[in-house]
Amino acid sequence: MVKFRSRLFGTEFDPPLILASGILDQTAESIQRLIKKGMGGVVTKSIGTEPREGHPNPTIVELDTGLLNAMGLPNQGIEDFKNEMEKLESELEEEPIIGSIFASDPDDFSHLAGKMTRYGADMVELNLSCPHAEGYGAQIASDDEIMERVIKKVDERIQEPILAKLPPSNEIAKNAVLAERSGADGIVCINTVRAMAVNFETQEPILGNKIGGYSGPGIKPIGLRCVYEVYREVDIPIIGCGGITDGRDALEYILAGASALQMGSALHHRGKDAVEKVSKEATELMRKEGIDDIEEIIGGAH
């Protein structure tokens, strides 16, 4: 029997497909619907200490090979999100909940991590990679000292696994090594790619924030490169993310070094059944090639 599943940090992801942060994951109801569609785990919307409105509209643009968004990390704040987490914890059975958090300083990251795990998160994902929110995300990862302090502070606060979600920079392997040394238990790569779109007729940037994050099939080669480079430098598991739309994409990420995968834009391109389709396609490809378990091919492209 073909095993398209993985076990990380003592937790099974079956299938190894996880809902990426920011996609239909702000309420317990929307997350539950996707779990019923076959997701092996979920990452929540990135949550901060206080409510945040985000950037002005328009915040999302569909391009030929992906989506461009500049949401600006809108969220209801950790105290209001507590209700959603408690609903999830009471209604989900085995599917892991990964709480995504963002902040501008180590103390707030630590505070949020403590709250997230107290409210039911099985793991915490540190958003160190959002490309379009000033003072947050990728700006944290660009400063080695701050990123190290963030991860160490969180590691001191919680016992649950810590995932560092990194931006797709040329320094991603170096950043991953620093994250591992600072206490991260896993690396998520990548987040969206900093990009923009211009309207010829109006002669203006389309997004309200002008600059956004590009996701979807167009960034898959970048994601693969990042996973490949990180795999050579760290000993902790990698969760691949970026342009995974079908089963072949998923297995290519595993060959590059990923032990599990996150999906987001695929839900837009292929609908809410995307995870079932990707799982079936990956399983059929594995069966065709005589691969019984993804453990056999993790990092196989090296």
C-alpha atoms as a PDB file:
ATOM      1  CA  MET A   1       0.000   0.000   0.000  1.00  0.00           C
ATOM      2  CA  VAL A   2       1.352   3.406  -1.009  1.00  0.00           C
ATOM      3  CA  LYS A   3       1.910   5.714   1.985  1.00  0.00           C
ATOM      4  CA  PHE A   4       1.434   9.346   1.052  1.00  0.00           C
ATOM      5  CA  ARG A   5       1.766  10.664   4.580  1.00  0.00           C
ATOM      6  CA  SER A   6       4.476  11.879   6.914  1.00  0.00           C
ATOM      7  CA  ARG A   7       5.254  12.032  10.621  1.00  0.00           C
ATOM      8  CA  LEU A   8       6.872  15.163  12.011  1.00  0.00           C
ATOM      9  CA  PHE A   9       7.566  16.033  15.644  1.00  0.00           C
ATOM     10  CA  GLY A  10       5.635  12.961  16.739  1.00  0.00           C
ATOM     11  CA  THR A  11       2.551  14.059  14.788  1.00  0.00           C
ATOM     12  CA  GLU A  12       1.145  12.366  11.691  1.00  0.00           C
ATOM     13  CA  PHE A  13       0.095  14.389   8.668  1.00  0.00           C
ATOM     14  CA  ASP A  14      -2.110  12.174   6.517  1.00  0.00           C
ATOM     15  CA  PRO A  15      -1.856  13.263   3.772  1.00  0.00           C
ATOM     16  CA  PRO A  16       1.273  15.437   4.171  1.00  0.00           C
ATOM     17  CA  LEU A  17      -0.673  18.384   2.733  1.00  0.00           C
ATOM     18  CA  ILE A  18      -1.258  21.320   5.079  1.00  0.00           C
ATOM     19  CA  LEU A  19      -3.409  24.391   4.545  1.00  0.00           C
ATOM     20  CA  ALA A  20      -1.034  27.355   4.214  1.00  0.00           C
ATOM     21  CA  SER A  21      -1.553  30.455   6.333  1.00  0.00           C
ATOM     22  CA  GLY A  22      -3.837  33.115   4.893  1.00  0.00           C
ATOM     23  CA  ILE A  23      -6.133  30.880   2.829  1.00  0.00           C
ATOM     24  CA  LEU A  24      -9.675  30.362   4.176  1.00  0.00           C
ATOM     25  CA  ASP A  25      -8.288  29.977   7.690  1.00  0.00           C
ATOM     26  CA  GLN A  26      -9.591  32.883   9.731  1.00  0.00           C
ATOM     27  CA  THR A  27     -12.587  31.069  11.219  1.00  0.00           C
ATOM     28  CA  ALA A  28     -13.083  27.635  12.726  1.00  0.00           C
ATOM     29  CA  GLU A  29     -15.914  26.927  10.265  1.00  0.00           C
ATOM     30  CA  SER A  30     -13.837  27.552   7.132  1.00  0.00           C
ATOM     31  CA  ILE A  31     -10.948  25.484   8.500  1.00  0.00           C
ATOM     32  CA  GLN A  32     -13.279  22.607   9.373  1.00  0.00           C
ATOM     33  CA  ARG A  33     -14.669  22.580   5.830  1.00  0.00           C
ATOM     34  CA  LEU A  34     -11.185  22.155   4.398  1.00  0.00           C
ATOM     35  CA  ILE A  35     -10.275  19.454   6.902  1.00  0.00           C
ATOM     36  CA  LYS A  36     -13.347  17.540   5.715  1.00  0.00           C
ATOM     37  CA  LYS A  37     -11.985  17.918   2.183  1.00  0.00           C
ATOM     38  CA  GLY A  38      -8.888  15.968   3.177  1.00  0.00           C
ATOM     39  CA  MET A  39      -6.313  18.413   4.524  1.00  0.00           C
ATOM     40  CA  GLY A  40      -3.751  16.662   6.717  1.00  0.00           C
ATOM     41  CA  GLY A  41      -3.307  19.734   8.913  1.00  0.00           C
ATOM     42  CA  VAL A  42      -3.931  23.475   8.962  1.00  0.00           C
ATOM     43  CA  VAL A  43      -2.018  26.673   9.580  1.00  0.00           C
ATOM     44  CA  THR A  44      -4.154  29.487  10.932  1.00  0.00           C
ATOM     45  CA  LYS A  45      -4.266  33.015   9.624  1.00  0.00           C
ATOM     46  CA  SER A  46      -1.288  34.984  10.966  1.00  0.00           C
ATOM     47  CA  ILE A  47      -2.441  36.506  14.248  1.00  0.00           C
ATOM     48  CA  GLY A  48      -0.995  39.496  16.092  1.00  0.00           C
ATOM     49  CA  THR A  49      -1.390  40.888  19.583  1.00  0.00           C
ATOM     50  CA  GLU A  50      -4.076  43.409  18.576  1.00  0.00           C
ATOM     51  CA  PRO A  51      -6.707  43.641  15.806  1.00  0.00           C
ATOM     52  CA  ARG A  52      -5.342  44.927  12.493  1.00  0.00           C
ATOM     53  CA  GLU A  53      -7.300  46.107   9.452  1.00  0.00           C
ATOM     54  CA  GLY A  54      -4.622  45.509   6.837  1.00  0.00           C
ATOM     55  CA  HIS A  55      -4.009  47.400   3.621  1.00  0.00           C
ATOM     56  CA  PRO A  56      -6.624  49.317   1.583  1.00  0.00           C
ATOM     57  CA  ASN A  57      -8.316  47.722  -1.426  1.00  0.00           C
ATOM     58  CA  PRO A  58      -7.607  46.378  -3.924  1.00  0.00           C
ATOM     59  CA  THR A  59      -5.705  43.706  -2.004  1.00  0.00           C
ATOM     60  CA  ILE A  60      -5.606  40.831  -4.509  1.00  0.00           C
ATOM     61  CA  VAL A  61      -5.033  40.502  -8.267  1.00  0.00           C
ATOM     62  CA  GLU A  62      -5.216  37.382 -10.409  1.00  0.00           C
ATOM     63  CA  LEU A  63      -2.313  37.070 -12.840  1.00  0.00           C
ATOM     64  CA  ASP A  64      -1.648  34.566 -15.636  1.00  0.00           C
ATOM     65  CA  THR A  65       0.355  32.173 -13.455  1.00  0.00           C
ATOM     66  CA  GLY A  66      -0.675  32.990  -9.910  1.00  0.00           C
ATOM     67  CA  LEU A  67      -2.105  35.457  -7.422  1.00  0.00           C
ATOM     68  CA  LEU A  68      -0.710  38.758  -6.189  1.00  0.00           C
ATOM     69  CA  ASN A  69      -1.914  39.931  -2.786  1.00  0.00           C
ATOM     70  CA  ALA A  70      -1.205  42.686  -0.306  1.00  0.00           C
ATOM     71  CA  MET A  71      -3.595  41.928   2.518  1.00  0.00           C
ATOM     72  CA  GLY A  72      -1.387  43.569   5.137  1.00  0.00           C
ATOM     73  CA  LEU A  73      -1.871  40.909   7.838  1.00  0.00           C
ATOM     74  CA  PRO A  74      -5.501  41.742   8.739  1.00  0.00           C
ATOM     75  CA  ASN A  75      -6.663  39.805  11.793  1.00  0.00           C
ATOM     76  CA  GLN A  76      -8.862  40.060  14.868  1.00  0.00           C
ATOM     77  CA  GLY A  77      -6.052  39.854  17.418  1.00  0.00           C
ATOM     78  CA  ILE A  78      -5.111  36.925  19.631  1.00  0.00           C
ATOM     79  CA  GLU A  79      -7.800  37.403  22.286  1.00  0.00           C
ATOM     80  CA  ASP A  80     -10.684  37.338  19.797  1.00  0.00           C
ATOM     81  CA  PHE A  81      -9.034  34.467  17.904  1.00  0.00           C
ATOM     82  CA  LYS A  82      -9.136  32.450  21.106  1.00  0.00           C
ATOM     83  CA  ASN A  83     -12.776  31.583  20.350  1.00  0.00           C
ATOM     84  CA  GLU A  84     -11.895  30.161  16.930  1.00  0.00           C
ATOM     85  CA  MET A  85      -9.056  28.093  18.379  1.00  0.00           C
ATOM     86  CA  GLU A  86     -11.244  26.642  21.112  1.00  0.00           C
ATOM     87  CA  LYS A  87     -13.919  25.670  18.564  1.00  0.00           C
ATOM     88  CA  LEU A  88     -11.276  23.951  16.448  1.00  0.00           C
ATOM     89  CA  GLU A  89      -9.724  22.103  19.365  1.00  0.00           C
ATOM     90  CA  SER A  90     -13.090  20.742  20.436  1.00  0.00           C
ATOM     91  CA  GLU A  91     -14.237  19.643  16.968  1.00  0.00           C
ATOM     92  CA  LEU A  92     -11.115  18.360  15.210  1.00  0.00           C
ATOM     93  CA  GLU A  93      -9.951  14.842  15.965  1.00  0.00           C
ATOM     94  CA  GLU A  94      -6.376  14.134  14.885  1.00  0.00           C
ATOM     95  CA  GLU A  95      -5.561  16.894  12.406  1.00  0.00           C
ATOM     96  CA  PRO A  96      -2.755  19.136  13.733  1.00  0.00           C
ATOM     97  CA  ILE A  97      -3.415  22.849  14.208  1.00  0.00           C
ATOM     98  CA  ILE A  98      -0.433  25.110  13.557  1.00  0.00           C
ATOM     99  CA  GLY A  99      -0.898  28.621  14.931  1.00  0.00           C
ATOM    100  CA  SER A 100       0.705  31.324  12.783  1.00  0.00           C
ATOM    101  CA  ILE A 101       1.838  34.452  14.610  1.00  0.00           C
ATOM    102  CA  PHE A 102       3.494  37.744  13.667  1.00  0.00           C
ATOM    103  CA  ALA A 103       4.944  40.598  15.708  1.00  0.00           C
ATOM    104  CA  SER A 104       7.591  43.279  15.519  1.00  0.00           C
ATOM    105  CA  ASP A 105       9.686  42.281  18.532  1.00  0.00           C
ATOM    106  CA  PRO A 106      10.793  39.137  20.408  1.00  0.00           C
ATOM    107  CA  ASP A 107       8.659  39.757  23.502  1.00  0.00           C
ATOM    108  CA  ASP A 108       5.442  39.992  21.485  1.00  0.00           C
ATOM    109  CA  PHE A 109       6.323  36.842  19.549  1.00  0.00           C
ATOM    110  CA  SER A 110       6.875  35.046  22.847  1.00  0.00           C
ATOM    111  CA  HIS A 111       3.594  36.342  24.279  1.00  0.00           C
ATOM    112  CA  LEU A 112       1.667  35.267  21.172  1.00  0.00           C
ATOM    113  CA  ALA A 113       3.264  31.818  21.100  1.00  0.00           C
ATOM    114  CA  GLY A 114       2.255  31.240  24.697  1.00  0.00           C
ATOM    115  CA  LYS A 115      -1.320  32.293  23.964  1.00  0.00           C
ATOM    116  CA  MET A 116      -1.574  30.228  20.777  1.00  0.00           C
ATOM    117  CA  THR A 117      -0.473  27.020  22.433  1.00  0.00           C
ATOM    118  CA  ARG A 118      -2.627  27.687  25.483  1.00  0.00           C
ATOM    119  CA  TYR A 119      -5.626  28.101  23.193  1.00  0.00           C
ATOM    120  CA  GLY A 120      -5.003  24.782  21.452  1.00  0.00           C
ATOM    121  CA  ALA A 121      -2.294  25.057  18.785  1.00  0.00           C
ATOM    122  CA  ASP A 122      -0.196  21.876  18.442  1.00  0.00           C
ATOM    123  CA  MET A 123       2.665  23.859  16.903  1.00  0.00           C
ATOM    124  CA  VAL A 124       3.535  27.490  16.216  1.00  0.00           C
ATOM    125  CA  GLU A 125       4.599  28.955  12.888  1.00  0.00           C
ATOM    126  CA  LEU A 126       6.584  32.179  13.128  1.00  0.00           C
ATOM    127  CA  ASN A 127       5.756  34.503  10.239  1.00  0.00           C
ATOM    128  CA  LEU A 128       9.236  35.795   9.464  1.00  0.00           C
ATOM    129  CA  SER A 129       8.512  36.264   5.786  1.00  0.00           C
ATOM    130  CA  CYS A 130       5.467  38.391   4.881  1.00  0.00           C
ATOM    131  CA  PRO A 131       6.790  40.656   2.072  1.00  0.00           C
ATOM    132  CA  HIS A 132       4.294  43.524   2.301  1.00  0.00           C
ATOM    133  CA  ALA A 133       3.782  44.558   5.951  1.00  0.00           C
ATOM    134  CA  GLU A 134       6.243  47.176   7.131  1.00  0.00           C
ATOM    135  CA  GLY A 135       7.989  46.291  10.380  1.00  0.00           C
ATOM    136  CA  TYR A 136       6.898  42.651  10.295  1.00  0.00           C
ATOM    137  CA  GLY A 137       7.582  39.417   8.431  1.00  0.00           C
ATOM    138  CA  ALA A 138      10.531  39.546   6.055  1.00  0.00           C
ATOM    139  CA  GLN A 139      11.975  42.557   7.848  1.00  0.00           C
ATOM    140  CA  ILE A 140      12.441  40.371  10.927  1.00  0.00           C
ATOM    141  CA  ALA A 141      14.269  37.688   8.923  1.00  0.00           C
ATOM    142  CA  SER A 142      16.529  40.315   7.348  1.00  0.00           C
ATOM    143  CA  ASP A 143      18.085  41.081  10.739  1.00  0.00           C
ATOM    144  CA  ASP A 144      20.026  38.086  12.093  1.00  0.00           C
ATOM    145  CA  GLU A 145      20.152  39.388  15.652  1.00  0.00           C
ATOM    146  CA  ILE A 146      16.413  40.053  15.893  1.00  0.00           C
ATOM    147  CA  MET A 147      15.466  36.753  14.268  1.00  0.00           C
ATOM    148  CA  GLU A 148      17.729  34.848  16.647  1.00  0.00           C
ATOM    149  CA  ARG A 149      16.211  36.634  19.651  1.00  0.00           C
ATOM    150  CA  VAL A 150      12.666  35.988  18.407  1.00  0.00           C
ATOM    151  CA  ILE A 151      13.181  32.258  18.065  1.00  0.00           C
ATOM    152  CA  LYS A 152      15.080  31.925  21.323  1.00  0.00           C
ATOM    153  CA  LYS A 153      12.375  33.831  23.209  1.00  0.00           C
ATOM    154  CA  VAL A 154       9.650  31.622  21.768  1.00  0.00           C
ATOM    155  CA  ASP A 155      11.688  28.494  22.484  1.00  0.00           C
ATOM    156  CA  GLU A 156      11.993  29.576  26.117  1.00  0.00           C
ATOM    157  CA  ARG A 157       8.222  30.119  26.366  1.00  0.00           C
ATOM    158  CA  ILE A 158       6.695  26.994  24.781  1.00  0.00           C
ATOM    159  CA  GLN A 159       7.310  23.254  24.626  1.00  0.00           C
ATOM    160  CA  GLU A 160       5.475  22.743  21.325  1.00  0.00           C
ATOM    161  CA  PRO A 161       7.355  22.566  17.992  1.00  0.00           C
ATOM    162  CA  ILE A 162       8.411  25.883  16.447  1.00  0.00           C
ATOM    163  CA  LEU A 163       8.322  26.339  12.666  1.00  0.00           C
ATOM    164  CA  ALA A 164      10.209  29.268  11.149  1.00  0.00           C
ATOM    165  CA  LYS A 165       8.612  30.426   7.888  1.00  0.00           C
ATOM    166  CA  LEU A 166      11.334  32.114   5.859  1.00  0.00           C
ATOM    167  CA  PRO A 167      11.298  34.468   2.846  1.00  0.00           C
ATOM    168  CA  PRO A 168      12.719  33.349  -0.535  1.00  0.00           C
ATOM    169  CA  SER A 169      15.928  35.376  -0.340  1.00  0.00           C
ATOM    170  CA  ASN A 170      19.356  34.392  -1.599  1.00  0.00           C
ATOM    171  CA  GLU A 171      20.264  34.034   2.083  1.00  0.00           C
ATOM    172  CA  ILE A 172      17.575  31.481   2.908  1.00  0.00           C
ATOM    173  CA  ALA A 173      20.005  28.646   3.648  1.00  0.00           C
ATOM    174  CA  LYS A 174      21.974  30.880   6.017  1.00  0.00           C
ATOM    175  CA  ASN A 175      18.749  32.025   7.664  1.00  0.00           C
ATOM    176  CA  ALA A 176      17.627  28.421   8.067  1.00  0.00           C
ATOM    177  CA  VAL A 177      20.886  27.494   9.804  1.00  0.00           C
ATOM    178  CA  LEU A 178      20.448  30.442  12.169  1.00  0.00           C
ATOM    179  CA  ALA A 179      16.832  29.427  12.843  1.00  0.00           C
ATOM    180  CA  GLU A 180      17.870  25.857  13.633  1.00  0.00           C
ATOM    181  CA  ARG A 181      20.659  27.012  15.924  1.00  0.00           C
ATOM    182  CA  SER A 182      18.270  29.385  17.708  1.00  0.00           C
ATOM    183  CA  GLY A 183      15.751  26.656  18.547  1.00  0.00           C
ATOM    184  CA  ALA A 184      13.453  26.179  15.552  1.00  0.00           C
ATOM    185  CA  ASP A 185      12.217  22.606  15.128  1.00  0.00           C
ATOM    186  CA  GLY A 186      11.347  22.957  11.451  1.00  0.00           C
ATOM    187  CA  ILE A 187      11.643  25.307   8.477  1.00  0.00           C
ATOM    188  CA  VAL A 188       8.793  26.394   6.206  1.00  0.00           C
ATOM    189  CA  CYS A 189       9.862  27.718   2.837  1.00  0.00           C
ATOM    190  CA  ILE A 190       8.684  29.736   1.140  1.00  0.00           C
ATOM    191  CA  ASN A 191       6.268  32.593   1.666  1.00  0.00           C
ATOM    192  CA  THR A 192       5.033  34.682  -1.254  1.00  0.00           C
ATOM    193  CA  VAL A 193       7.541  36.514  -3.457  1.00  0.00           C
ATOM    194  CA  ARG A 194       7.675  40.312  -3.297  1.00  0.00           C
ATOM    195  CA  ALA A 195       6.169  41.619  -6.525  1.00  0.00           C
ATOM    196  CA  MET A 196       3.778  44.129  -8.102  1.00  0.00           C
ATOM    197  CA  ALA A 197       1.404  44.713 -11.019  1.00  0.00           C
ATOM    198  CA  VAL A 198       0.785  47.912 -13.013  1.00  0.00           C
ATOM    199  CA  ASN A 199      -2.344  48.875 -14.930  1.00  0.00           C
ATOM    200  CA  PHE A 200      -1.382  50.318 -18.318  1.00  0.00           C
ATOM    201  CA  GLU A 201      -4.665  52.158 -18.834  1.00  0.00           C
ATOM    202  CA  THR A 202      -4.651  53.965 -15.475  1.00  0.00           C
ATOM    203  CA  GLN A 203      -0.839  54.113 -15.391  1.00  0.00           C
ATOM    204  CA  GLU A 204      -0.871  53.157 -11.707  1.00  0.00           C
ATOM    205  CA  PRO A 205       0.041  50.174  -9.525  1.00  0.00           C
ATOM    206  CA  ILE A 206      -3.000  47.924  -9.170  1.00  0.00           C
ATOM    207  CA  LEU A 207      -2.690  47.002  -5.498  1.00  0.00           C
ATOM    208  CA  GLY A 208      -3.672  49.535  -2.888  1.00  0.00           C
ATOM    209  CA  ASN A 209      -0.309  48.912  -1.192  1.00  0.00           C
ATOM    210  CA  LYS A 210       1.480  48.962  -4.588  1.00  0.00           C
ATOM    211  CA  ILE A 211       3.765  46.063  -3.541  1.00  0.00           C
ATOM    212  CA  GLY A 212       2.433  42.610  -2.670  1.00  0.00           C
ATOM    213  CA  GLY A 213       3.292  38.931  -2.474  1.00  0.00           C
ATOM    214  CA  TYR A 214       3.141  36.662  -5.519  1.00  0.00           C
ATOM    215  CA  SER A 215       1.958  33.056  -5.097  1.00  0.00           C
ATOM    216  CA  GLY A 216       0.879  30.156  -7.285  1.00  0.00           C
ATOM    217  CA  PRO A 217       2.484  28.100 -10.067  1.00  0.00           C
ATOM    218  CA  GLY A 218       4.792  30.929 -11.121  1.00  0.00           C
ATOM    219  CA  ILE A 219       6.863  30.729  -7.921  1.00  0.00           C
ATOM    220  CA  LYS A 220       7.278  26.957  -7.810  1.00  0.00           C
ATOM    221  CA  PRO A 221      10.851  26.994  -9.251  1.00  0.00           C
ATOM    222  CA  ILE A 222      11.833  29.507  -6.555  1.00  0.00           C
ATOM    223  CA  GLY A 223      10.295  27.395  -3.816  1.00  0.00           C
ATOM    224  CA  LEU A 224      12.035  24.274  -5.070  1.00  0.00           C
ATOM    225  CA  ARG A 225      15.381  26.062  -5.147  1.00  0.00           C
ATOM    226  CA  CYS A 226      14.920  27.279  -1.588  1.00  0.00           C
ATOM    227  CA  VAL A 227      13.949  23.845  -0.239  1.00  0.00           C
ATOM    228  CA  TYR A 228      16.876  22.271  -2.087  1.00  0.00           C
ATOM    229  CA  GLU A 229      19.392  24.759  -0.647  1.00  0.00           C
ATOM    230  CA  VAL A 230      18.010  24.573   2.877  1.00  0.00           C
ATOM    231  CA  TYR A 231      17.986  20.754   2.872  1.00  0.00           C
ATOM    232  CA  ARG A 232      21.751  20.724   2.328  1.00  0.00           C
ATOM    233  CA  GLU A 233      22.390  22.879   5.394  1.00  0.00           C
ATOM    234  CA  VAL A 234      19.996  21.830   8.183  1.00  0.00           C
ATOM    235  CA  ASP A 235      19.083  18.654  10.020  1.00  0.00           C
ATOM    236  CA  ILE A 236      15.523  19.649  10.968  1.00  0.00           C
ATOM    237  CA  PRO A 237      12.475  18.906   8.782  1.00  0.00           C
ATOM    238  CA  ILE A 238      11.442  21.223   5.963  1.00  0.00           C
ATOM    239  CA  ILE A 239       7.858  21.977   4.946  1.00  0.00           C
ATOM    240  CA  GLY A 240       7.738  23.044   1.302  1.00  0.00           C
ATOM    241  CA  CYS A 241       5.367  25.722   0.066  1.00  0.00           C
ATOM    242  CA  GLY A 242       4.959  27.672  -3.155  1.00  0.00           C
ATOM    243  CA  GLY A 243       3.057  26.788  -6.317  1.00  0.00           C
ATOM    244  CA  ILE A 244       2.064  23.227  -5.364  1.00  0.00           C
ATOM    245  CA  THR A 245      -0.922  22.627  -7.627  1.00  0.00           C
ATOM    246  CA  ASP A 246      -0.836  18.932  -8.530  1.00  0.00           C
ATOM    247  CA  GLY A 247       0.627  15.640  -7.381  1.00  0.00           C
ATOM    248  CA  ARG A 248       3.769  15.979  -9.457  1.00  0.00           C
ATOM    249  CA  ASP A 249       4.513  19.353  -7.853  1.00  0.00           C
ATOM    250  CA  ALA A 250       4.147  17.779  -4.415  1.00  0.00           C
ATOM    251  CA  LEU A 251       6.547  14.931  -5.173  1.00  0.00           C
ATOM    252  CA  GLU A 252       9.093  17.270  -6.743  1.00  0.00           C
ATOM    253  CA  TYR A 253       9.175  19.267  -3.506  1.00  0.00           C
ATOM    254  CA  ILE A 254       9.720  16.036  -1.565  1.00  0.00           C
ATOM    255  CA  LEU A 255      12.584  15.094  -3.874  1.00  0.00           C
ATOM    256  CA  ALA A 256      14.108  18.532  -3.222  1.00  0.00           C
ATOM    257  CA  GLY A 257      14.033  17.838   0.522  1.00  0.00           C
ATOM    258  CA  ALA A 258      10.580  18.605   1.940  1.00  0.00           C
ATOM    259  CA  SER A 259       9.026  16.198   4.450  1.00  0.00           C
ATOM    260  CA  ALA A 260       5.568  17.792   4.239  1.00  0.00           C
ATOM    261  CA  LEU A 261       3.888  20.450   2.125  1.00  0.00           C
ATOM    262  CA  GLN A 262       1.659  23.494   2.410  1.00  0.00           C
ATOM    263  CA  MET A 263      -0.950  24.467  -0.171  1.00  0.00           C
ATOM    264  CA  GLY A 264      -2.769  27.758  -0.637  1.00  0.00           C
ATOM    265  CA  SER A 265      -3.301  29.163  -4.124  1.00  0.00           C
ATOM    266  CA  ALA A 266      -4.166  25.679  -5.427  1.00  0.00           C
ATOM    267  CA  LEU A 267      -7.530  26.067  -3.708  1.00  0.00           C
ATOM    268  CA  HIS A 268      -8.215  29.026  -5.965  1.00  0.00           C
ATOM    269  CA  HIS A 269      -7.016  27.293  -9.115  1.00  0.00           C
ATOM    270  CA  ARG A 270      -8.541  23.853  -8.501  1.00  0.00           C
ATOM    271  CA  GLY A 271     -11.288  24.466  -5.959  1.00  0.00           C
ATOM    272  CA  LYS A 272     -11.840  23.129  -2.451  1.00  0.00           C
ATOM    273  CA  ASP A 273     -11.270  19.568  -3.700  1.00  0.00           C
ATOM    274  CA  ALA A 274      -7.670  20.468  -4.571  1.00  0.00           C
ATOM    275  CA  VAL A 275      -6.162  18.468  -1.715  1.00  0.00           C
ATOM    276  CA  GLU A 276      -8.052  15.302  -2.691  1.00  0.00           C
ATOM    277  CA  LYS A 277      -6.926  15.725  -6.298  1.00  0.00           C
ATOM    278  CA  VAL A 278      -3.281  16.314  -5.339  1.00  0.00           C
ATOM    279  CA  SER A 279      -3.267  13.336  -2.953  1.00  0.00           C
ATOM    280  CA  LYS A 280      -4.725  11.035  -5.609  1.00  0.00           C
ATOM    281  CA  GLU A 281      -2.313  12.240  -8.284  1.00  0.00           C
ATOM    282  CA  ALA A 282       0.724  11.874  -6.009  1.00  0.00           C
ATOM    283  CA  THR A 283      -0.339   8.391  -4.901  1.00  0.00           C
ATOM    284  CA  GLU A 284      -0.833   7.261  -8.496  1.00  0.00           C
ATOM    285  CA  LEU A 285       2.581   8.598  -9.508  1.00  0.00           C
ATOM    286  CA  MET A 286       4.231   6.841  -6.576  1.00  0.00           C
ATOM    287  CA  ARG A 287       2.492   3.572  -7.434  1.00  0.00           C
ATOM    288  CA  LYS A 288       3.574   3.890 -11.065  1.00  0.00           C
ATOM    289  CA  GLU A 289       7.218   4.382 -10.036  1.00  0.00           C
ATOM    290  CA  GLY A 290       7.162   1.630  -7.392  1.00  0.00           C
ATOM    291  CA  ILE A 291       7.522   4.008  -4.444  1.00  0.00           C
ATOM    292  CA  ASP A 292       5.802   2.723  -1.318  1.00  0.00           C
ATOM    293  CA  ASP A 293       6.468   5.583   1.098  1.00  0.00           C
ATOM    294  CA  ILE A 294       7.513   9.216   0.662  1.00  0.00           C
ATOM    295  CA  GLU A 295      10.238   8.580   3.242  1.00  0.00           C
ATOM    296  CA  GLU A 296      12.038   6.723   0.449  1.00  0.00           C
ATOM    297  CA  ILE A 297      12.388   9.834  -1.713  1.00  0.00           C
ATOM    298  CA  ILE A 298      12.807  12.788   0.669  1.00  0.00           C
ATOM    299  CA  GLY A 299      15.867  14.619  -0.648  1.00  0.00           C
ATOM    300  CA  GLY A 300      16.179  12.140  -3.513  1.00  0.00           C
ATOM    301  CA  ALA A 301      17.148  14.886  -5.982  1.00  0.00           C
ATOM    302  CA  HIS A 302      20.427  15.511  -4.132  1.00  0.00           C
END
